[in-house]
Amino acid sequence: MARNMASQILLYNQGGQLLARLQPCRSWGCRGRGLMFRRPLQESDGLFFVFPRSGRWETAIHMFFVFFPIAAIWLDEAGRIVHAVEARPFRVYIPPRPARYLVEGPVNLLTHARIGEVWIWREDAGGC
């Protein structure tokens, strides 16, 4: 997945283990496109969605025109995991509890996701 290295989100579990380097996805356009029409993700690739506000419907996703399964992990305002699923092509997913952030990454990321665990992240501006 091509990525603008100018900015990336470094995602860590509560033990401080680096889980992924993700592309931030804050704009309406980025959130709308997501992973549609892209190639399968590499081991630590993915998107980190930042939604304007918390909610269930506001953070729902569809997998239309995403041709491979992904990990979809919803986090609340505090970074606590509220829902985690293996999202499959051509389906819709709505978290059961309000979320503010969403991680879309390779399926193996689910092995690290425990409901209630707090994940932390920081933005890395990259560069030389």
Protein backbone atom coordinates (compact mmCIF):
# COMPACT_ATOMS: atom_id res chain seq x y z
CA MET A 1 0.00 0.00 0.00
CA ALA A 2 1.56 3.28 -1.04
CA ARG A 3 1.93 5.65 1.86
CA ASN A 4 2.91 9.27 2.31
CA MET A 5 5.80 8.94 4.74
CA ALA A 6 5.47 12.58 5.76
CA SER A 7 3.08 11.51 8.51
CA GLN A 8 2.22 8.18 10.05
CA ILE A 9 0.55 6.92 13.20
CA LEU A 10 2.63 4.59 15.35
CA LEU A 11 0.26 2.28 17.22
CA TYR A 12 1.25 0.54 20.47
CA ASN A 13 -0.47 -1.88 22.83
CA GLN A 14 -0.66 -1.01 26.52
CA GLY A 15 2.62 -2.87 27.09
CA GLY A 16 4.43 -0.52 24.71
CA GLN A 17 4.85 -3.01 21.83
CA LEU A 18 4.74 -1.37 18.40
CA LEU A 19 1.85 -3.00 16.54
CA ALA A 20 1.63 -1.05 13.30
CA ARG A 21 2.60 2.01 11.30
CA LEU A 22 -0.64 3.41 9.92
CA GLN A 23 -1.66 6.13 7.53
CA PRO A 24 -3.80 8.74 9.30
CA CYS A 25 -7.26 9.09 7.79
CA ARG A 26 -9.01 12.23 9.02
CA SER A 27 -10.73 13.78 6.01
CA TRP A 28 -14.20 12.89 4.78
CA GLY A 29 -12.70 11.73 1.47
CA CYS A 30 -10.12 9.46 3.07
CA ARG A 31 -12.68 7.97 5.45
CA GLY A 32 -15.10 7.42 2.55
CA ARG A 33 -12.57 5.63 0.36
CA GLY A 34 -10.83 3.65 3.08
CA LEU A 35 -9.29 0.54 1.54
CA MET A 36 -11.58 0.27 -1.50
CA PHE A 37 -9.87 -0.87 -4.70
CA ARG A 38 -6.50 -1.33 -2.96
CA ARG A 39 -4.15 -4.27 -2.86
CA PRO A 40 -4.00 -6.54 0.21
CA LEU A 41 -2.22 -5.04 3.19
CA GLN A 42 1.35 -5.76 4.17
CA GLU A 43 2.13 -6.97 7.74
CA SER A 44 2.12 -3.55 9.45
CA ASP A 45 0.12 -1.51 6.92
CA GLY A 46 -3.26 0.04 7.44
CA LEU A 47 -5.32 3.11 8.17
CA PHE A 48 -6.01 5.00 11.41
CA PHE A 49 -9.40 6.71 11.15
CA VAL A 50 -10.12 9.76 13.26
CA PHE A 51 -13.83 10.57 13.30
CA PRO A 52 -15.23 14.03 14.11
CA ARG A 53 -17.17 12.64 17.09
CA SER A 54 -17.85 9.42 18.95
CA GLY A 55 -20.75 7.20 18.00
CA ARG A 56 -21.82 3.86 16.62
CA TRP A 57 -23.30 4.88 13.27
CA GLU A 58 -20.68 7.60 12.75
CA THR A 59 -17.93 4.97 12.86
CA ALA A 60 -19.69 2.20 10.91
CA ILE A 61 -17.81 0.83 7.91
CA HIS A 62 -18.63 -1.01 4.73
CA MET A 63 -16.40 -3.45 2.92
CA PHE A 64 -17.78 -2.81 -0.56
CA PHE A 65 -14.99 -3.07 -3.13
CA VAL A 66 -12.47 -4.21 -0.52
CA PHE A 67 -11.51 -7.61 -1.91
CA PHE A 68 -9.66 -9.05 1.10
CA PRO A 69 -10.44 -9.48 4.82
CA ILE A 70 -9.02 -6.97 7.30
CA ALA A 71 -8.88 -6.38 11.03
CA ALA A 72 -11.31 -3.64 12.07
CA ILE A 73 -10.66 -2.42 15.61
CA TRP A 74 -12.73 0.37 17.16
CA LEU A 75 -11.37 2.51 20.01
CA ASP A 76 -13.20 4.96 22.25
CA GLU A 77 -12.08 8.47 23.26
CA ALA A 78 -9.62 7.00 25.77
CA GLY A 79 -8.10 4.53 23.28
CA ARG A 80 -9.93 1.57 24.85
CA ILE A 81 -10.85 -1.20 22.41
CA VAL A 82 -14.65 -1.41 22.22
CA HIS A 83 -14.96 -3.83 19.29
CA ALA A 84 -12.70 -5.92 17.05
CA VAL A 85 -13.69 -8.08 14.08
CA GLU A 86 -12.32 -9.73 10.98
CA ALA A 87 -14.14 -7.64 8.41
CA ARG A 88 -14.92 -9.54 5.23
CA PRO A 89 -15.58 -8.21 1.72
CA PHE A 90 -18.99 -6.78 0.82
CA ARG A 91 -20.35 -6.53 4.36
CA VAL A 92 -21.24 -3.68 6.75
CA TYR A 93 -19.94 -3.39 10.32
CA ILE A 94 -21.28 -1.25 13.15
CA PRO A 95 -19.56 -1.29 16.55
CA PRO A 96 -21.85 -2.28 19.46
CA ARG A 97 -20.56 0.64 21.55
CA PRO A 98 -19.63 4.21 20.61
CA ALA A 99 -16.13 4.67 19.19
CA ARG A 100 -14.05 7.64 18.06
CA TYR A 101 -11.17 5.90 16.28
CA LEU A 102 -10.87 2.92 13.96
CA VAL A 103 -7.86 0.86 12.98
CA GLU A 104 -8.03 -1.03 9.69
CA GLY A 105 -5.09 -3.36 9.29
CA PRO A 106 -4.03 -6.89 8.41
CA VAL A 107 -6.06 -9.68 10.01
CA ASN A 108 -3.14 -10.78 12.21
CA LEU A 109 -3.51 -7.51 14.16
CA LEU A 110 -6.55 -9.13 15.81
CA THR A 111 -4.24 -11.42 17.79
CA HIS A 112 -3.22 -8.32 19.79
CA ALA A 113 -6.72 -6.85 20.25
CA ARG A 114 -8.48 -7.46 23.56
CA ILE A 115 -11.77 -5.72 24.33
CA GLY A 116 -11.14 -3.23 27.14
CA GLU A 117 -7.39 -2.94 26.53
CA VAL A 118 -6.10 0.58 25.96
CA TRP A 119 -3.93 1.20 22.91
CA ILE A 120 -1.84 4.30 22.51
CA TRP A 121 -0.55 6.06 19.43
CA ARG A 122 1.59 8.94 18.39
CA GLU A 123 1.98 10.75 15.13
CA ASP A 124 5.42 10.59 13.57
CA ALA A 125 6.14 13.38 11.13
CA GLY A 126 8.80 11.24 9.42
CA GLY A 127 11.39 12.91 7.28
CA CYS A 128 15.17 12.82 7.53
